[in-house]
Amino acid sequence: MLDMTSAKGAMTDKIRNGQGFIAALDQSGGSTPKALKAYGVSEDAYSNDDQMFDLIHEMRARIVNAPSFTGEKVIGAILFEMTMERMIGGKPSAAALWEDNGVVPFLKIDKGLEDEADGVQMLKPIPNLDNLLERAVAHGIFGTKERSVINAASATGIEAIVAQQFELGAQVKSHGLMPILEPEINITIADKAEAEDMLRDTLLRHLDTLPDGEQVMLKLSLPEVAGQYKAVADHPACLKVVALSGGYSRDEANERLSQNPSIIASFSRALTEGLTAPQSDSAFNSTLARTIDSIYTASIT
C-alpha cells in the first residue's frame, strides 16, 4: 500500500500542474462486455463474470504496462473497484500506477443510475460507501469519480443532479479523498447547448458554497461552445476540469478538446480505440503511444 502522507501533496501537484490527461480505465459490469468486444474479445470467450473481469483486467494491465503509459503524458487514471483490489506487475494496482508510472490513481465509486426523472438520471444509492472509501484510502487512491447523466435542459433536474454530486463529494472529502463530480450531459440531446448553460451556472453556484481552501474536480461532456466551462475551471474551488469523450470519436473528441484550453481529457473508449487483444505487443504499444500522443496534444493545446 502507498504511504499517502508523503504522496498526497505530490499527487495534488501532479493534477493541478501536470501536463497531460487522465485515463479512464473504469469500465464496470454493465460496460465491460462492450469494451471487451471492441478489444476483440467476444462474449463466447468467457462464461461468467469472474472470467469477464479477468479478461478486462488483462487489457487494463497491458495498457498500464505499456512503455508510453507514464506520468509524462498520463497524469492520472480512474480504476474500477475490482481493479483496485487486483495486482499489476506484482503490486496493488494503485501502487503500480503511482510508484512505477507516476500516474495518480482515482476510483470509480458509483453503482449505476436511477431511471430518468425530470430530464436527469440521478446516482443510485451506493451501499457501504464509507467502507469503500476507507479501502480506497488504504490502497493509496487519491480521489474518486461518480457519474450521473443529464438528458434534457431541465433547470430543476440539473439543480438536483448537481446538488446530489456535491453532497456525495462532501462525503468523499470527509475521508481525505478528492472527488471528481461527473454530471454528464448526453451528447445526443437536441437542447445540449442550453443544458450546458444551465449546468455551468449551477456548478458555479455550488462551487461558491464550498469553504475557502476546499476543492473538487469536475468531469464534463465536451461542450458545444468553446470555452463554455472556463469560469468553472478558473474557480478557486475547482482543482481541475476534465472531459469525457461521451460517444464522440477520438478525432472529434480531440478536436473539441483542443478548443477548450481550460480542460484536459479523461477518455475511456477514445483511449482504447484501435487496441485489440490479438495485436502483437509491438503493434499494441505503438497504437497506444500514438493515441496517448494525440490526446496529450489536445489536452495541452
Protein backbone atom coordinates (compact mmCIF):
# COMPACT_ATOMS: atom_id res chain seq x y z
CA MET A 1 0.00 0.00 0.00
CA LEU A 2 1.12 3.55 -0.63
CA ASP A 3 2.28 5.96 2.07
CA MET A 4 -0.31 8.63 1.37
CA THR A 5 1.12 11.09 3.88
CA SER A 6 4.08 11.73 1.61
CA ALA A 7 2.32 11.03 -1.69
CA LYS A 8 -0.81 13.16 -1.39
CA GLY A 9 0.91 16.52 -1.85
CA ALA A 10 2.82 15.25 -4.86
CA MET A 11 -0.36 13.82 -6.35
CA THR A 12 -2.24 17.09 -5.84
CA ASP A 13 0.56 18.99 -7.56
CA LYS A 14 0.56 16.49 -10.43
CA ILE A 15 -3.16 17.01 -11.04
CA ARG A 16 -3.01 20.78 -10.61
CA ASN A 17 0.13 21.47 -12.64
CA GLY A 18 0.96 18.32 -14.60
CA GLN A 19 0.84 18.36 -18.37
CA GLY A 20 -1.31 15.58 -19.74
CA PHE A 21 -4.65 13.82 -19.26
CA ILE A 22 -6.48 11.32 -17.07
CA ALA A 23 -7.10 7.83 -18.47
CA ALA A 24 -10.49 6.29 -17.66
CA LEU A 25 -9.88 2.57 -17.08
CA ASP A 26 -13.08 2.09 -15.10
CA GLN A 27 -15.43 0.05 -17.26
CA SER A 28 -17.88 -1.65 -14.87
CA GLY A 29 -20.08 -4.73 -15.13
CA GLY A 30 -22.54 -3.09 -17.49
CA SER A 31 -19.99 -1.64 -19.89
CA THR A 32 -17.34 -4.37 -19.75
CA PRO A 33 -18.84 -6.68 -22.46
CA LYS A 34 -18.96 -3.77 -24.91
CA ALA A 35 -15.39 -2.76 -24.03
CA LEU A 36 -14.17 -6.34 -24.48
CA LYS A 37 -15.97 -6.68 -27.81
CA ALA A 38 -14.25 -3.51 -29.06
CA TYR A 39 -10.99 -5.06 -27.83
CA GLY A 40 -11.63 -8.13 -29.98
CA VAL A 41 -12.87 -10.43 -27.21
CA SER A 42 -16.33 -11.84 -27.96
CA GLU A 43 -18.83 -12.90 -25.31
CA ASP A 44 -18.23 -16.57 -26.04
CA ALA A 45 -14.68 -16.13 -24.70
CA TYR A 46 -16.00 -16.13 -21.13
CA SER A 47 -18.82 -17.92 -19.34
CA ASN A 48 -19.22 -15.91 -16.12
CA ASP A 49 -18.47 -12.53 -14.58
CA ASP A 50 -15.22 -13.70 -12.96
CA GLN A 51 -13.78 -14.71 -16.32
CA MET A 52 -15.07 -11.48 -17.89
CA PHE A 53 -13.36 -9.35 -15.25
CA ASP A 54 -10.15 -11.37 -15.58
CA LEU A 55 -10.10 -10.52 -19.28
CA ILE A 56 -10.77 -6.81 -18.80
CA HIS A 57 -8.09 -6.68 -16.12
CA GLU A 58 -5.63 -8.22 -18.58
CA MET A 59 -6.48 -5.40 -21.00
CA ARG A 60 -6.04 -2.73 -18.33
CA ALA A 61 -2.76 -4.20 -17.13
CA ARG A 62 -1.49 -4.34 -20.71
CA ILE A 63 -2.27 -0.63 -21.09
CA VAL A 64 -0.67 0.34 -17.77
CA ASN A 65 2.45 -1.73 -18.53
CA ALA A 66 2.91 -0.19 -21.99
CA PRO A 67 6.05 1.97 -22.33
CA SER A 68 4.05 5.10 -23.26
CA PHE A 69 1.72 4.92 -20.24
CA THR A 70 3.70 7.12 -17.86
CA GLY A 71 3.19 10.29 -15.88
CA GLU A 72 4.94 12.24 -18.60
CA LYS A 73 1.67 12.41 -20.55
CA VAL A 74 -0.87 10.49 -18.45
CA ILE A 75 -1.22 12.32 -15.15
CA GLY A 76 -3.99 10.17 -13.69
CA ALA A 77 -6.05 7.01 -14.18
CA ILE A 78 -9.53 6.08 -12.95
CA LEU A 79 -9.88 2.48 -11.78
CA PHE A 80 -12.84 0.14 -11.32
CA GLU A 81 -13.21 -1.22 -7.76
CA MET A 82 -12.13 -4.72 -8.74
CA THR A 83 -9.06 -3.28 -10.48
CA MET A 84 -8.07 -1.52 -7.25
CA GLU A 85 -8.21 -4.86 -5.45
CA ARG A 86 -6.00 -6.60 -8.03
CA MET A 87 -2.31 -6.53 -8.87
CA ILE A 88 -0.43 -5.06 -11.82
CA GLY A 89 3.20 -6.06 -12.24
CA GLY A 90 3.29 -7.67 -8.80
CA LYS A 91 1.95 -4.59 -6.96
CA PRO A 92 -1.53 -3.44 -5.97
CA SER A 93 -2.88 -1.52 -8.96
CA ALA A 94 -2.85 1.94 -7.34
CA ALA A 95 0.72 1.48 -6.16
CA ALA A 96 1.79 0.28 -9.60
CA LEU A 97 0.29 3.39 -11.18
CA TRP A 98 1.92 5.88 -8.85
CA GLU A 99 5.19 4.24 -7.83
CA ASP A 100 6.09 2.71 -11.19
CA ASN A 101 4.46 5.13 -13.63
CA GLY A 102 3.96 8.43 -11.80
CA VAL A 103 0.22 8.27 -12.59
CA VAL A 104 -2.26 9.44 -9.92
CA PRO A 105 -4.87 6.76 -9.07
CA PHE A 106 -8.61 7.50 -8.83
CA LEU A 107 -11.51 5.11 -8.12
CA LYS A 108 -14.96 4.88 -9.74
CA ILE A 109 -17.44 4.63 -6.86
CA ASP A 110 -20.89 5.00 -8.46
CA LYS A 111 -23.14 1.95 -8.73
CA GLY A 112 -25.30 2.93 -11.68
CA LEU A 113 -28.16 5.29 -12.42
CA GLU A 114 -31.75 5.72 -11.36
CA ASP A 115 -34.46 5.78 -14.04
CA GLU A 116 -34.84 9.15 -15.73
CA ALA A 117 -36.94 11.75 -13.93
CA ASP A 118 -37.19 15.47 -14.68
CA GLY A 119 -34.72 15.05 -17.54
CA VAL A 120 -31.91 13.52 -15.47
CA GLN A 121 -30.67 10.20 -14.16
CA MET A 122 -29.53 10.53 -10.57
CA LEU A 123 -26.99 8.29 -8.90
CA LYS A 124 -28.32 5.13 -7.33
CA PRO A 125 -27.54 4.74 -3.60
CA ILE A 126 -24.01 3.47 -3.00
CA PRO A 127 -24.15 0.71 -0.35
CA ASN A 128 -21.34 0.64 2.24
CA LEU A 129 -19.77 3.76 0.73
CA ASP A 130 -17.78 4.68 3.82
CA ASN A 131 -16.22 1.22 3.84
CA LEU A 132 -15.33 1.54 0.16
CA LEU A 133 -13.75 4.94 0.77
CA GLU A 134 -11.76 3.57 3.71
CA ARG A 135 -10.45 0.77 1.48
CA ALA A 136 -9.60 3.32 -1.21
CA VAL A 137 -7.52 5.30 1.28
CA ALA A 138 -5.76 2.11 2.41
CA HIS A 139 -4.89 1.30 -1.21
CA GLY A 140 -3.41 4.74 -1.83
CA ILE A 141 -6.20 6.09 -4.01
CA PHE A 142 -6.09 9.89 -4.43
CA GLY A 143 -9.68 10.56 -5.46
CA THR A 144 -12.98 9.20 -6.70
CA LYS A 145 -15.29 9.54 -9.69
CA GLU A 146 -19.07 9.40 -9.65
CA ARG A 147 -21.22 9.67 -12.82
CA SER A 148 -24.81 10.79 -13.30
CA VAL A 149 -26.49 11.87 -16.56
CA ILE A 150 -28.40 14.90 -17.85
CA ASN A 151 -30.82 14.11 -20.71
CA ALA A 152 -32.64 17.45 -21.04
CA ALA A 153 -32.21 21.16 -20.36
CA SER A 154 -34.29 20.97 -17.18
CA ALA A 155 -33.28 23.63 -14.65
CA THR A 156 -34.79 21.73 -11.72
CA GLY A 157 -33.35 18.40 -12.85
CA ILE A 158 -29.87 19.87 -13.31
CA GLU A 159 -30.06 21.54 -9.90
CA ALA A 160 -31.00 18.20 -8.33
CA ILE A 161 -28.23 16.29 -10.05
CA VAL A 162 -25.54 18.85 -9.15
CA ALA A 163 -26.76 19.04 -5.54
CA GLN A 164 -26.50 15.23 -5.28
CA GLN A 165 -23.00 15.28 -6.76
CA PHE A 166 -21.79 17.91 -4.29
CA GLU A 167 -23.40 16.07 -1.37
CA LEU A 168 -21.60 12.89 -2.36
CA GLY A 169 -18.42 14.89 -2.87
CA ALA A 170 -18.59 16.11 0.72
CA GLN A 171 -18.73 12.51 1.94
CA VAL A 172 -15.72 11.65 -0.22
CA LYS A 173 -13.82 14.69 1.08
CA SER A 174 -14.50 13.60 4.67
CA HIS A 175 -12.20 10.64 4.01
CA GLY A 176 -9.43 12.86 2.66
CA LEU A 177 -10.09 11.93 -0.95
CA MET A 178 -10.56 14.24 -3.95
CA PRO A 179 -13.95 13.81 -5.67
CA ILE A 180 -14.38 14.06 -9.42
CA LEU A 181 -18.02 15.08 -9.77
CA GLU A 182 -19.42 13.92 -13.12
CA PRO A 183 -22.80 15.33 -14.19
CA GLU A 184 -22.51 14.10 -17.78
CA ILE A 185 -24.66 15.72 -20.46
CA ASN A 186 -25.89 13.23 -23.06
CA ILE A 187 -24.26 14.41 -26.31
CA THR A 188 -27.24 13.32 -28.43
CA ILE A 189 -29.89 15.62 -26.93
CA ALA A 190 -31.31 18.45 -29.05
CA ASP A 191 -31.01 21.05 -26.29
CA LYS A 192 -27.42 20.19 -25.32
CA ALA A 193 -26.15 23.80 -25.58
CA GLU A 194 -28.98 25.07 -23.37
CA ALA A 195 -28.31 22.30 -20.84
CA GLU A 196 -24.64 23.31 -20.82
CA ASP A 197 -25.52 26.90 -19.94
CA MET A 198 -27.71 25.68 -17.08
CA LEU A 199 -25.03 23.28 -15.88
CA ARG A 200 -22.28 25.90 -15.93
CA ASP A 201 -24.32 28.36 -13.90
CA THR A 202 -25.45 25.69 -11.43
CA LEU A 203 -21.89 24.44 -10.93
CA LEU A 204 -20.65 27.95 -10.25
CA ARG A 205 -23.34 28.48 -7.61
CA HIS A 206 -22.41 25.27 -5.83
CA LEU A 207 -18.68 25.95 -6.06
CA ASP A 208 -19.34 29.29 -4.38
CA THR A 209 -20.75 27.45 -1.35
CA LEU A 210 -17.59 25.46 -0.64
CA PRO A 211 -15.44 26.64 2.28
CA ASP A 212 -12.29 28.58 1.49
CA GLY A 213 -9.46 26.24 0.54
CA GLU A 214 -11.72 23.29 -0.26
CA GLN A 215 -11.68 21.96 -3.82
CA VAL A 216 -13.37 19.40 -6.05
CA MET A 217 -12.74 18.22 -9.60
CA LEU A 218 -15.35 18.05 -12.36
CA LYS A 219 -15.76 15.69 -15.31
CA LEU A 220 -17.97 17.18 -18.02
CA SER A 221 -19.12 16.43 -21.55
CA LEU A 222 -17.26 18.31 -24.27
CA PRO A 223 -19.29 21.48 -24.89
CA GLU A 224 -20.88 22.99 -27.98
CA VAL A 225 -19.35 26.42 -27.31
CA ALA A 226 -15.58 26.73 -26.96
CA GLY A 227 -14.61 28.00 -23.52
CA GLN A 228 -18.02 27.08 -22.06
CA TYR A 229 -16.54 25.92 -18.74
CA LYS A 230 -13.59 28.32 -18.40
CA ALA A 231 -15.21 30.14 -15.46
CA VAL A 232 -15.72 26.78 -13.76
CA ALA A 233 -12.11 25.73 -14.35
CA ASP A 234 -10.87 29.10 -13.06
CA HIS A 235 -12.97 28.96 -9.87
CA PRO A 236 -10.75 28.67 -6.77
CA ALA A 237 -12.84 25.74 -5.51
CA CYS A 238 -12.12 23.73 -8.68
CA LEU A 239 -8.86 21.81 -8.81
CA LYS A 240 -9.32 20.66 -12.43
CA VAL A 241 -11.98 20.17 -15.10
CA VAL A 242 -11.64 17.03 -17.21
CA ALA A 243 -13.72 15.95 -20.19
CA LEU A 244 -15.24 12.62 -21.14
CA SER A 245 -15.35 11.59 -24.78
CA GLY A 246 -19.01 10.73 -24.31
CA GLY A 247 -19.53 8.85 -27.58
CA TYR A 248 -17.57 11.17 -29.86
CA SER A 249 -14.89 9.52 -31.98
CA ARG A 250 -11.37 10.11 -30.74
CA ASP A 251 -10.67 12.55 -33.58
CA GLU A 252 -13.77 14.62 -32.84
CA ALA A 253 -13.20 14.45 -29.10
CA ASN A 254 -9.63 15.67 -29.55
CA GLU A 255 -10.79 18.46 -31.87
CA ARG A 256 -13.41 19.66 -29.39
CA LEU A 257 -10.96 19.35 -26.52
CA SER A 258 -8.31 21.42 -28.29
CA GLN A 259 -10.82 24.28 -28.47
CA ASN A 260 -11.14 24.28 -24.66
CA PRO A 261 -7.71 25.03 -23.18
CA SER A 262 -9.04 25.09 -19.60
CA ILE A 263 -9.98 21.39 -19.82
CA ILE A 264 -7.96 18.17 -20.12
CA ALA A 265 -9.15 14.78 -21.32
CA SER A 266 -10.43 11.88 -19.27
CA PHE A 267 -11.24 9.47 -22.07
CA SER A 268 -12.24 5.80 -21.86
CA ARG A 269 -13.46 4.39 -25.17
CA ALA A 270 -11.49 7.02 -27.12
CA LEU A 271 -8.33 5.88 -25.29
CA THR A 272 -8.75 2.20 -26.15
CA GLU A 273 -9.98 2.78 -29.72
CA GLY A 274 -7.81 0.70 -32.08
CA LEU A 275 -6.42 -1.62 -29.38
CA THR A 276 -7.19 -5.34 -29.75
CA ALA A 277 -6.27 -8.47 -27.86
CA PRO A 278 -4.76 -10.27 -30.90
CA GLN A 279 -2.30 -7.43 -31.60
CA SER A 280 1.35 -8.16 -31.04
CA ASP A 281 2.91 -6.23 -28.16
CA SER A 282 4.74 -4.09 -30.70
CA ALA A 283 1.55 -3.19 -32.57
CA PHE A 284 -0.42 -2.68 -29.35
CA ASN A 285 2.24 -0.44 -27.83
CA SER A 286 2.72 1.66 -30.95
CA THR A 287 -1.05 2.15 -31.37
CA LEU A 288 -1.41 3.16 -27.74
CA ALA A 289 1.58 5.51 -27.98
CA ARG A 290 0.01 7.32 -30.95
CA THR A 291 -3.30 7.56 -29.11
CA ILE A 292 -1.66 8.93 -25.96
CA ASP A 293 0.25 11.47 -28.04
CA SER A 294 -2.93 12.68 -29.74
CA ILE A 295 -4.96 13.01 -26.50
CA TYR A 296 -1.99 14.64 -24.76
CA THR A 297 -1.60 17.19 -27.54
CA ALA A 298 -5.31 18.04 -27.45
CA SER A 299 -5.18 18.35 -23.65
CA ILE A 300 -2.28 20.79 -23.54
CA THR A 301 -3.26 22.89 -26.58
